[in-house]
Amino acid sequence: MAARDRYSRKLECSRCGRAGFAEASEDDDPRRKNPGFRVDEMPSGFSTERASSDPARYMIRCRCGNVFAFKQRTHYPPGGEPA
């Protein structure tokens, strides 16, 4: 059994501005076809709309009703990237 890589990702609703950090994990075996992506902990005010083993297809719902992908492209101004 492979170990799991754990990481946090900041979720931000583009409609109401609600933000929080979700805890996610994936299998740590590059030979696997499916990384076994899973959201382990969701911040308050967010819920799973549609679960998926692919982070780009995992959909999140904000309390305000906005739905967005867990892994989406975010655009930051130059020098404004998160640390």
C-alpha atoms as a PDB file:
ATOM      1  CA  MET A   1       0.000   0.000   0.000  1.00  0.00           C
ATOM      2  CA  ALA A   2       1.346   3.396  -0.965  1.00  0.00           C
ATOM      3  CA  ALA A   3       1.705   6.315   1.394  1.00  0.00           C
ATOM      4  CA  ARG A   4      -0.514   9.352   0.846  1.00  0.00           C
ATOM      5  CA  ASP A   5       0.676  12.860   0.078  1.00  0.00           C
ATOM      6  CA  ARG A   6      -1.325  15.365   2.110  1.00  0.00           C
ATOM      7  CA  TYR A   7      -1.678  19.039   1.300  1.00  0.00           C
ATOM      8  CA  SER A   8      -3.868  22.074   1.917  1.00  0.00           C
ATOM      9  CA  ARG A   9      -5.506  24.192  -0.756  1.00  0.00           C
ATOM     10  CA  LYS A  10      -7.160  27.534  -0.259  1.00  0.00           C
ATOM     11  CA  LEU A  11     -10.742  27.643  -1.519  1.00  0.00           C
ATOM     12  CA  GLU A  12     -12.144  31.041  -2.473  1.00  0.00           C
ATOM     13  CA  CYS A  13     -15.661  31.730  -3.705  1.00  0.00           C
ATOM     14  CA  SER A  14     -15.619  34.217  -6.559  1.00  0.00           C
ATOM     15  CA  ARG A  15     -19.212  35.234  -5.837  1.00  0.00           C
ATOM     16  CA  CYS A  16     -19.271  35.999  -2.089  1.00  0.00           C
ATOM     17  CA  GLY A  17     -15.560  35.978  -1.154  1.00  0.00           C
ATOM     18  CA  ARG A  18     -15.831  33.181   1.452  1.00  0.00           C
ATOM     19  CA  ALA A  19     -12.448  31.495   1.920  1.00  0.00           C
ATOM     20  CA  GLY A  20     -10.969  28.577   3.809  1.00  0.00           C
ATOM     21  CA  PHE A  21      -8.444  25.781   3.532  1.00  0.00           C
ATOM     22  CA  ALA A  22      -9.382  22.251   2.430  1.00  0.00           C
ATOM     23  CA  GLU A  23      -7.203  19.278   3.374  1.00  0.00           C
ATOM     24  CA  ALA A  24      -6.668  16.822   0.513  1.00  0.00           C
ATOM     25  CA  SER A  25      -4.584  13.727  -0.144  1.00  0.00           C
ATOM     26  CA  GLU A  26      -3.377  11.582  -3.051  1.00  0.00           C
ATOM     27  CA  ASP A  27      -1.529   8.267  -3.318  1.00  0.00           C
ATOM     28  CA  ASP A  28       2.232   8.716  -3.422  1.00  0.00           C
ATOM     29  CA  ASP A  29       2.940   6.224  -6.202  1.00  0.00           C
ATOM     30  CA  PRO A  30       3.765   7.688  -9.637  1.00  0.00           C
ATOM     31  CA  ARG A  31       3.157   4.324 -11.324  1.00  0.00           C
ATOM     32  CA  ARG A  32      -0.552   4.401 -10.492  1.00  0.00           C
ATOM     33  CA  LYS A  33      -2.890   5.417 -13.280  1.00  0.00           C
ATOM     34  CA  ASN A  34      -5.351   6.973 -10.827  1.00  0.00           C
ATOM     35  CA  PRO A  35      -3.795   9.059  -8.016  1.00  0.00           C
ATOM     36  CA  GLY A  36      -6.680   8.318  -5.629  1.00  0.00           C
ATOM     37  CA  PHE A  37      -7.413  11.998  -4.944  1.00  0.00           C
ATOM     38  CA  ARG A  38      -9.625  12.641  -1.911  1.00  0.00           C
ATOM     39  CA  VAL A  39     -10.719  15.715   0.079  1.00  0.00           C
ATOM     40  CA  ASP A  40     -10.264  14.757   3.715  1.00  0.00           C
ATOM     41  CA  GLU A  41     -11.516  17.929   5.383  1.00  0.00           C
ATOM     42  CA  MET A  42     -13.659  20.762   3.999  1.00  0.00           C
ATOM     43  CA  PRO A  43     -13.727  24.256   5.547  1.00  0.00           C
ATOM     44  CA  SER A  44     -16.933  25.649   7.031  1.00  0.00           C
ATOM     45  CA  GLY A  45     -19.318  27.041   4.425  1.00  0.00           C
ATOM     46  CA  PHE A  46     -18.194  24.696   1.639  1.00  0.00           C
ATOM     47  CA  SER A  47     -19.457  21.243   0.661  1.00  0.00           C
ATOM     48  CA  THR A  48     -18.888  18.637  -2.032  1.00  0.00           C
ATOM     49  CA  GLU A  49     -21.137  19.090  -5.057  1.00  0.00           C
ATOM     50  CA  ARG A  50     -19.660  16.221  -7.112  1.00  0.00           C
ATOM     51  CA  ALA A  51     -16.831  13.996  -5.889  1.00  0.00           C
ATOM     52  CA  SER A  52     -14.187  12.739  -8.304  1.00  0.00           C
ATOM     53  CA  SER A  53     -10.787  11.061  -8.157  1.00  0.00           C
ATOM     54  CA  ASP A  54      -9.525  13.855 -10.455  1.00  0.00           C
ATOM     55  CA  PRO A  55      -9.014  17.201  -8.638  1.00  0.00           C
ATOM     56  CA  ALA A  56      -9.914  19.145 -11.812  1.00  0.00           C
ATOM     57  CA  ARG A  57     -13.348  17.441 -11.870  1.00  0.00           C
ATOM     58  CA  TYR A  58     -14.046  17.561  -8.110  1.00  0.00           C
ATOM     59  CA  MET A  59     -16.748  20.208  -7.716  1.00  0.00           C
ATOM     60  CA  ILE A  60     -17.211  22.359  -4.600  1.00  0.00           C
ATOM     61  CA  ARG A  61     -20.370  24.234  -3.568  1.00  0.00           C
ATOM     62  CA  CYS A  62     -20.183  27.395  -1.481  1.00  0.00           C
ATOM     63  CA  ARG A  63     -22.952  28.210   0.990  1.00  0.00           C
ATOM     64  CA  CYS A  64     -24.014  31.088  -1.327  1.00  0.00           C
ATOM     65  CA  GLY A  65     -24.748  28.552  -4.108  1.00  0.00           C
ATOM     66  CA  ASN A  66     -21.680  29.109  -6.300  1.00  0.00           C
ATOM     67  CA  VAL A  67     -20.171  25.883  -7.700  1.00  0.00           C
ATOM     68  CA  PHE A  68     -16.522  25.648  -8.781  1.00  0.00           C
ATOM     69  CA  ALA A  69     -13.791  23.068  -9.369  1.00  0.00           C
ATOM     70  CA  PHE A  70     -11.428  22.143  -6.526  1.00  0.00           C
ATOM     71  CA  LYS A  71      -8.474  22.634  -8.837  1.00  0.00           C
ATOM     72  CA  GLN A  72      -9.115  25.673 -10.964  1.00  0.00           C
ATOM     73  CA  ARG A  73      -6.870  28.192 -12.608  1.00  0.00           C
ATOM     74  CA  THR A  74      -6.496  31.277 -10.524  1.00  0.00           C
ATOM     75  CA  HIS A  75      -4.958  34.454 -11.817  1.00  0.00           C
ATOM     76  CA  TYR A  76      -2.855  36.552  -9.508  1.00  0.00           C
ATOM     77  CA  PRO A  77      -1.291  39.922 -10.286  1.00  0.00           C
ATOM     78  CA  PRO A  78       2.503  39.875 -10.748  1.00  0.00           C
ATOM     79  CA  GLY A  79       4.151  39.427  -7.372  1.00  0.00           C
ATOM     80  CA  GLY A  80       0.816  38.488  -5.790  1.00  0.00           C
ATOM     81  CA  GLU A  81       1.209  34.718  -5.897  1.00  0.00           C
ATOM     82  CA  PRO A  82       0.519  32.991  -2.577  1.00  0.00           C
ATOM     83  CA  ALA A  83       3.577  31.975  -0.565  1.00  0.00           C
END
